[in-house]
C-alpha atoms as a PDB file:
ATOM      1  CA  MET A   1     122.669  71.449 103.650  1.00  0.00           C
ATOM      2  CA  ALA A   2     123.997  74.733 102.261  1.00  0.00           C
ATOM      3  CA  THR A   3     121.797  77.845 102.240  1.00  0.00           C
ATOM      4  CA  LYS A   4     120.987  78.709  98.611  1.00  0.00           C
ATOM      5  CA  VAL A   5     121.319  82.404  97.790  1.00  0.00           C
ATOM      6  CA  LEU A   6     120.239  84.451  94.777  1.00  0.00           C
ATOM      7  CA  ILE A   7     121.876  87.868  94.291  1.00  0.00           C
ATOM      8  CA  ALA A   8     119.949  90.600  92.440  1.00  0.00           C
ATOM      9  CA  ASP A   9     121.714  93.859  91.604  1.00  0.00           C
ATOM     10  CA  ASP A  10     122.074  95.791  88.354  1.00  0.00           C
ATOM     11  CA  HIS A  11     125.763  96.512  88.947  1.00  0.00           C
ATOM     12  CA  GLN A  12     127.834  93.536  87.849  1.00  0.00           C
ATOM     13  CA  LEU A  13     130.888  94.517  89.871  1.00  0.00           C
ATOM     14  CA  PHE A  14     128.864  94.664  93.087  1.00  0.00           C
ATOM     15  CA  ARG A  15     127.202  91.309  92.300  1.00  0.00           C
ATOM     16  CA  GLU A  16     130.590  89.714  91.747  1.00  0.00           C
ATOM     17  CA  GLY A  17     131.825  91.179  95.026  1.00  0.00           C
ATOM     18  CA  LEU A  18     128.899  89.675  96.913  1.00  0.00           C
ATOM     19  CA  VAL A  19     129.427  86.318  95.214  1.00  0.00           C
ATOM     20  CA  ASN A  20     133.089  86.265  96.261  1.00  0.00           C
ATOM     21  CA  LEU A  21     132.206  87.193  99.840  1.00  0.00           C
ATOM     22  CA  ILE A  22     129.393  84.718 100.249  1.00  0.00           C
ATOM     23  CA  THR A  23     131.116  81.744  98.637  1.00  0.00           C
ATOM     24  CA  SER A  24     133.899  82.062 101.220  1.00  0.00           C
ATOM     25  CA  ALA A  25     131.363  81.467 103.993  1.00  0.00           C
ATOM     26  CA  PRO A  26     130.667  77.910 105.125  1.00  0.00           C
ATOM     27  CA  ASP A  27     127.260  76.426 104.318  1.00  0.00           C
ATOM     28  CA  ILE A  28     126.207  79.261 101.992  1.00  0.00           C
ATOM     29  CA  GLU A  29     126.028  78.801  98.233  1.00  0.00           C
ATOM     30  CA  VAL A  30     125.230  81.335  95.493  1.00  0.00           C
ATOM     31  CA  ILE A  31     123.003  79.553  92.984  1.00  0.00           C
ATOM     32  CA  ALA A  32     122.112  82.442  90.652  1.00  0.00           C
ATOM     33  CA  GLU A  33     122.449  86.139  89.854  1.00  0.00           C
ATOM     34  CA  ALA A  34     119.911  88.613  88.457  1.00  0.00           C
ATOM     35  CA  LYS A  35     120.515  92.028  86.904  1.00  0.00           C
ATOM     36  CA  ASP A  36     117.032  93.463  87.502  1.00  0.00           C
ATOM     37  CA  GLY A  37     113.909  92.910  89.557  1.00  0.00           C
ATOM     38  CA  LYS A  38     112.010  91.037  86.872  1.00  0.00           C
ATOM     39  CA  GLU A  39     114.823  88.540  86.398  1.00  0.00           C
ATOM     40  CA  ALA A  40     115.010  88.134  90.177  1.00  0.00           C
ATOM     41  CA  THR A  41     111.322  87.203  90.395  1.00  0.00           C
ATOM     42  CA  GLU A  42     111.606  84.750  87.507  1.00  0.00           C
ATOM     43  CA  LYS A  43     114.707  83.011  88.867  1.00  0.00           C
ATOM     44  CA  SER A  44     113.243  82.918  92.381  1.00  0.00           C
ATOM     45  CA  GLN A  45     110.151  81.180  91.071  1.00  0.00           C
ATOM     46  CA  LYS A  46     112.203  78.687  89.065  1.00  0.00           C
ATOM     47  CA  LEU A  47     115.135  77.987  91.391  1.00  0.00           C
ATOM     48  CA  LYS A  48     113.472  78.550  94.799  1.00  0.00           C
ATOM     49  CA  PRO A  49     116.493  79.950  96.692  1.00  0.00           C
ATOM     50  CA  ASP A  50     116.467  80.099 100.464  1.00  0.00           C
ATOM     51  CA  VAL A  51     117.539  83.757 100.488  1.00  0.00           C
ATOM     52  CA  VAL A  52     117.409  86.575  97.944  1.00  0.00           C
ATOM     53  CA  LEU A  53     119.783  89.513  98.398  1.00  0.00           C
ATOM     54  CA  ILE A  54     118.170  92.327  96.438  1.00  0.00           C
ATOM     55  CA  ASP A  55     118.978  95.921  95.557  1.00  0.00           C
ATOM     56  CA  ILE A  56     116.143  98.472  95.614  1.00  0.00           C
ATOM     57  CA  GLY A  57     116.974 100.714  92.664  1.00  0.00           C
ATOM     58  CA  MET A  58     117.071  98.448  89.613  1.00  0.00           C
ATOM     59  CA  PRO A  59     115.849  98.786  86.017  1.00  0.00           C
ATOM     60  CA  VAL A  60     112.823  96.988  84.524  1.00  0.00           C
ATOM     61  CA  MET A  61     111.397  96.314  88.007  1.00  0.00           C
ATOM     62  CA  ASN A  62     112.581  97.891  91.269  1.00  0.00           C
ATOM     63  CA  GLY A  63     113.526  95.822  94.300  1.00  0.00           C
ATOM     64  CA  ILE A  64     110.458  96.771  96.315  1.00  0.00           C
ATOM     65  CA  GLU A  65     108.038  95.475  93.701  1.00  0.00           C
ATOM     66  CA  ALA A  66     110.213  92.401  93.081  1.00  0.00           C
ATOM     67  CA  THR A  67     110.215  91.646  96.813  1.00  0.00           C
ATOM     68  CA  ARG A  68     106.434  91.878  96.906  1.00  0.00           C
ATOM     69  CA  ILE A  69     106.113  89.400  94.032  1.00  0.00           C
ATOM     70  CA  ILE A  70     108.722  86.987  95.389  1.00  0.00           C
ATOM     71  CA  LYS A  71     107.105  86.859  98.835  1.00  0.00           C
ATOM     72  CA  LYS A  72     103.615  86.510  97.395  1.00  0.00           C
ATOM     73  CA  ASP A  73     104.705  83.650  95.142  1.00  0.00           C
ATOM     74  CA  ASN A  74     106.686  81.847  97.842  1.00  0.00           C
ATOM     75  CA  PRO A  75     106.534  83.242 101.407  1.00  0.00           C
ATOM     76  CA  LYS A  76     109.211  80.748 102.507  1.00  0.00           C
ATOM     77  CA  ILE A  77     111.885  82.594 100.513  1.00  0.00           C
ATOM     78  CA  LYS A  78     113.718  85.093 102.727  1.00  0.00           C
ATOM     79  CA  VAL A  79     114.484  88.471 101.168  1.00  0.00           C
ATOM     80  CA  ILE A  80     117.188  90.855 102.366  1.00  0.00           C
ATOM     81  CA  ALA A  81     117.423  94.309 100.815  1.00  0.00           C
ATOM     82  CA  VAL A  82     121.032  95.379 100.261  1.00  0.00           C
ATOM     83  CA  SER A  83     120.849  99.032  99.323  1.00  0.00           C
ATOM     84  CA  MET A  84     122.763 102.293  99.279  1.00  0.00           C
ATOM     85  CA  HIS A  85     119.568 104.044 100.412  1.00  0.00           C
ATOM     86  CA  SER A  86     119.015 104.718 104.102  1.00  0.00           C
ATOM     87  CA  ASP A  87     116.002 106.984 103.600  1.00  0.00           C
ATOM     88  CA  ARG A  88     112.943 106.057 105.630  1.00  0.00           C
ATOM     89  CA  GLN A  89     110.672 105.658 102.602  1.00  0.00           C
ATOM     90  CA  PHE A  90     112.903 102.990 101.040  1.00  0.00           C
ATOM     91  CA  VAL A  91     113.192 100.998 104.268  1.00  0.00           C
ATOM     92  CA  LYS A  92     109.466 101.298 104.962  1.00  0.00           C
ATOM     93  CA  GLY A  93     108.573 100.361 101.396  1.00  0.00           C
ATOM     94  CA  VAL A  94     110.639  97.201 101.160  1.00  0.00           C
ATOM     95  CA  LEU A  95     109.753  96.005 104.678  1.00  0.00           C
ATOM     96  CA  GLU A  96     106.061  96.500 103.940  1.00  0.00           C
ATOM     97  CA  ALA A  97     106.603  94.507 100.736  1.00  0.00           C
ATOM     98  CA  GLY A  98     107.699  91.591 102.915  1.00  0.00           C
ATOM     99  CA  ALA A  99     111.489  91.855 103.180  1.00  0.00           C
ATOM    100  CA  ASP A 100     113.040  89.979 106.098  1.00  0.00           C
ATOM    101  CA  GLY A 101     116.093  92.178 106.419  1.00  0.00           C
ATOM    102  CA  TYR A 102     117.744  95.432 105.361  1.00  0.00           C
ATOM    103  CA  LEU A 103     121.464  96.089 104.957  1.00  0.00           C
ATOM    104  CA  LEU A 104     123.325  99.094 103.641  1.00  0.00           C
ATOM    105  CA  LYS A 105     125.895  98.460 100.930  1.00  0.00           C
ATOM    106  CA  ASN A 106     128.679  99.630 103.219  1.00  0.00           C
ATOM    107  CA  CYS A 107     127.973  96.738 105.616  1.00  0.00           C
ATOM    108  CA  THR A 108     130.747  94.424 106.769  1.00  0.00           C
ATOM    109  CA  TYR A 109     131.255  90.801 105.766  1.00  0.00           C
ATOM    110  CA  ARG A 110     130.236  89.767 109.281  1.00  0.00           C
ATOM    111  CA  GLN A 111     126.967  91.704 109.043  1.00  0.00           C
ATOM    112  CA  LEU A 112     126.194  90.164 105.667  1.00  0.00           C
ATOM    113  CA  ILE A 113     126.660  86.610 106.915  1.00  0.00           C
ATOM    114  CA  GLU A 114     124.807  87.378 110.161  1.00  0.00           C
ATOM    115  CA  ALA A 115     121.893  88.726 108.141  1.00  0.00           C
ATOM    116  CA  VAL A 116     121.654  85.555 106.036  1.00  0.00           C
ATOM    117  CA  GLN A 117     121.886  83.307 109.091  1.00  0.00           C
ATOM    118  CA  SER A 118     119.334  85.378 111.029  1.00  0.00           C
ATOM    119  CA  VAL A 119     116.621  85.332 108.374  1.00  0.00           C
ATOM    120  CA  ILE A 120     117.140  81.618 107.778  1.00  0.00           C
ATOM    121  CA  SER A 121     116.520  81.037 111.494  1.00  0.00           C
ATOM    122  CA  GLY A 122     113.243  82.952 111.201  1.00  0.00           C
ATOM    123  CA  LYS A 123     114.391  86.291 112.616  1.00  0.00           C
ATOM    124  CA  LYS A 124     114.358  89.743 111.049  1.00  0.00           C
ATOM    125  CA  TYR A 125     117.674  91.490 110.496  1.00  0.00           C
ATOM    126  CA  LEU A 126     118.296  95.236 110.310  1.00  0.00           C
ATOM    127  CA  SER A 127     121.724  96.851 110.420  1.00  0.00           C
ATOM    128  CA  ASP A 128     122.334  99.127 113.411  1.00  0.00           C
ATOM    129  CA  ASP A 129     121.820 102.334 111.402  1.00  0.00           C
ATOM    130  CA  ILE A 130     118.539 101.067 109.970  1.00  0.00           C
ATOM    131  CA  THR A 131     117.316  99.849 113.366  1.00  0.00           C
ATOM    132  CA  GLU A 132     117.948 103.288 114.843  1.00  0.00           C
ATOM    133  CA  MET A 133     116.078 104.925 111.981  1.00  0.00           C
ATOM    134  CA  VAL A 134     113.090 102.584 112.326  1.00  0.00           C
ATOM    135  CA  ILE A 135     112.909 103.242 116.065  1.00  0.00           C
ATOM    136  CA  GLN A 136     113.106 106.989 115.442  1.00  0.00           C
ATOM    137  CA  GLY A 137     110.292 106.576 112.928  1.00  0.00           C
ATOM    138  CA  TYR A 138     108.049 105.191 115.659  1.00  0.00           C
ATOM    139  CA  LEU A 139     109.041 107.967 118.043  1.00  0.00           C
ATOM    140  CA  ASP A 140     108.560 110.649 115.411  1.00  0.00           C
ATOM    141  CA  PRO A 141     106.038 109.226 112.901  1.00  0.00           C
ATOM    142  CA  VAL A 142     105.173 110.977 109.668  1.00  0.00           C
ATOM    143  CA  ASP A 143     101.592 111.897 108.872  1.00  0.00           C
ATOM    144  CA  GLU A 144     100.155 108.622 107.563  1.00  0.00           C
ATOM    145  CA  ASN A 145      97.038 110.333 106.274  1.00  0.00           C
ATOM    146  CA  SER A 146      99.003 112.603 103.966  1.00  0.00           C
ATOM    147  CA  GLU A 147     101.002 109.596 102.752  1.00  0.00           C
ATOM    148  CA  SER A 148      97.893 107.596 101.906  1.00  0.00           C
ATOM    149  CA  GLN A 149      96.516 110.466  99.860  1.00  0.00           C
ATOM    150  CA  ASN A 150      99.645 110.348  97.706  1.00  0.00           C
ATOM    151  CA  GLU A 151      99.472 106.637  96.924  1.00  0.00           C
ATOM    152  CA  LEU A 152      99.491 105.899  93.217  1.00  0.00           C
ATOM    153  CA  SER A 153      97.565 103.081  91.591  1.00  0.00           C
ATOM    154  CA  GLU A 154      99.519 100.268  89.944  1.00  0.00           C
ATOM    155  CA  ARG A 155      98.771 101.724  86.496  1.00  0.00           C
ATOM    156  CA  GLU A 156      99.823 105.213  87.579  1.00  0.00           C
ATOM    157  CA  MET A 157     103.100 103.781  88.860  1.00  0.00           C
ATOM    158  CA  GLU A 158     103.683 102.154  85.462  1.00  0.00           C
ATOM    159  CA  VAL A 159     103.003 105.423  83.660  1.00  0.00           C
ATOM    160  CA  LEU A 160     105.234 107.371  86.041  1.00  0.00           C
ATOM    161  CA  LYS A 161     108.111 104.939  85.559  1.00  0.00           C
ATOM    162  CA  LEU A 162     107.810 105.018  81.761  1.00  0.00           C
ATOM    163  CA  TYR A 163     107.735 108.824  81.666  1.00  0.00           C
ATOM    164  CA  ALA A 164     110.768 108.875  83.956  1.00  0.00           C
ATOM    165  CA  GLU A 165     112.563 106.525  81.556  1.00  0.00           C
ATOM    166  CA  GLY A 166     112.045 109.080  78.798  1.00  0.00           C
ATOM    167  CA  LYS A 167     109.107 107.502  76.955  1.00  0.00           C
ATOM    168  CA  SER A 168     106.650 109.765  75.131  1.00  0.00           C
ATOM    169  CA  THR A 169     102.904 109.764  75.759  1.00  0.00           C
ATOM    170  CA  ARG A 170     102.358 107.890  72.494  1.00  0.00           C
ATOM    171  CA  GLU A 171     105.028 105.290  73.311  1.00  0.00           C
ATOM    172  CA  ILE A 172     103.516 104.729  76.756  1.00  0.00           C
ATOM    173  CA  GLY A 173     100.057 104.266  75.243  1.00  0.00           C
ATOM    174  CA  GLU A 174     101.386 101.695  72.761  1.00  0.00           C
ATOM    175  CA  LYS A 175     103.328  99.808  75.438  1.00  0.00           C
ATOM    176  CA  LEU A 176     100.408  99.654  77.884  1.00  0.00           C
ATOM    177  CA  PHE A 177      97.736  99.228  75.166  1.00  0.00           C
ATOM    178  CA  ILE A 178      95.804 102.296  76.268  1.00  0.00           C
ATOM    179  CA  SER A 179      94.858 105.495  74.453  1.00  0.00           C
ATOM    180  CA  VAL A 180      96.926 108.679  74.482  1.00  0.00           C
ATOM    181  CA  LYS A 181      94.027 110.375  76.270  1.00  0.00           C
ATOM    182  CA  THR A 182      94.069 107.752  79.025  1.00  0.00           C
ATOM    183  CA  VAL A 183      97.822 108.185  79.452  1.00  0.00           C
ATOM    184  CA  GLY A 184      97.249 111.918  79.816  1.00  0.00           C
ATOM    185  CA  THR A 185      94.605 111.315  82.475  1.00  0.00           C
ATOM    186  CA  HIS A 186      96.971 109.090  84.446  1.00  0.00           C
ATOM    187  CA  LYS A 187      99.689 111.737  84.123  1.00  0.00           C
ATOM    188  CA  GLN A 188      97.361 114.406  85.501  1.00  0.00           C
ATOM    189  CA  HIS A 189      96.454 112.176  88.458  1.00  0.00           C
ATOM    190  CA  ILE A 190     100.168 111.589  89.141  1.00  0.00           C
ATOM    191  CA  PHE A 191     100.828 115.324  89.141  1.00  0.00           C
ATOM    192  CA  GLU A 192      97.913 115.967  91.492  1.00  0.00           C
ATOM    193  CA  LYS A 193      98.695 113.153  93.952  1.00  0.00           C
ATOM    194  CA  LEU A 194     102.421 113.868  94.163  1.00  0.00           C
ATOM    195  CA  ASP A 195     102.228 117.638  93.711  1.00  0.00           C
ATOM    196  CA  LEU A 196     104.475 117.534  90.631  1.00  0.00           C
ATOM    197  CA  LYS A 197     104.611 120.106  87.862  1.00  0.00           C
ATOM    198  CA  SER A 198     106.637 118.610  85.019  1.00  0.00           C
ATOM    199  CA  ASN A 199     108.193 115.502  83.469  1.00  0.00           C
ATOM    200  CA  ALA A 200     111.475 116.507  85.099  1.00  0.00           C
ATOM    201  CA  ASP A 201     109.733 116.346  88.476  1.00  0.00           C
ATOM    202  CA  MET A 202     108.607 112.796  87.658  1.00  0.00           C
ATOM    203  CA  VAL A 203     112.191 111.794  86.856  1.00  0.00           C
ATOM    204  CA  LYS A 204     113.436 113.241  90.158  1.00  0.00           C
ATOM    205  CA  TYR A 205     110.661 111.480  92.076  1.00  0.00           C
ATOM    206  CA  ALA A 206     111.337 108.132  90.343  1.00  0.00           C
ATOM    207  CA  ILE A 207     115.049 108.314  91.148  1.00  0.00           C
ATOM    208  CA  LYS A 208     114.356 109.253  94.768  1.00  0.00           C
ATOM    209  CA  GLU A 209     111.928 106.360  95.170  1.00  0.00           C
ATOM    210  CA  GLY A 210     114.317 103.861  93.563  1.00  0.00           C
ATOM    211  CA  LEU A 211     112.029 103.254  90.556  1.00  0.00           C
ATOM    212  CA  ILE A 212     114.839 104.055  88.125  1.00  0.00           C
ATOM    213  CA  GLN A 213     118.558 104.702  88.371  1.00  0.00           C
ATOM    214  CA  LEU A 214     120.895 107.063  86.584  1.00  0.00           C
ATOM    215  CA  GLN A 215     123.302 104.988  84.535  1.00  0.00           C
END
């Protein structure tokens, strides 16, 4: 039986490239595509693919959050992040969310197929560059205590993302059904936790963390 794959990436050209590559492989079938994280979670729940290939920086919902939802809803689905980001925080974030593999977008066809086959067999798959980075992370760990102090609540993450997308305080309040004052409180907490000074800083942080992408 063919391995069913769902591809989630906000760039159509890249999605089409992955589809063409994967369909040429024996026993692997692309059953659906998604242009953002939210669509990926919805199609995963409905179609129950064997493997989801997911980008990290996508609109509406980023790949890390989508991975968390997909794995929580159906732990049997294997998720492989296929990203341009090799920064430690992206790798750490998506692996902690439950991803079974991590590939960079400059990977080879062989690596892509190996990754799919590996996760289906129950193994984890990291490209060589990512493996080296993860090992280095254990040898030279960052200060976990300082990281934990900077963790945002789910609501604060929502507010941060909306500000980074250019929404005003009033628009954020209307969208989240909270008062302008409450939005301001969340904003202040975000600034304090992340040591930010302005809305521009929030945009830079959101792009760095893969919460939004420049179009």
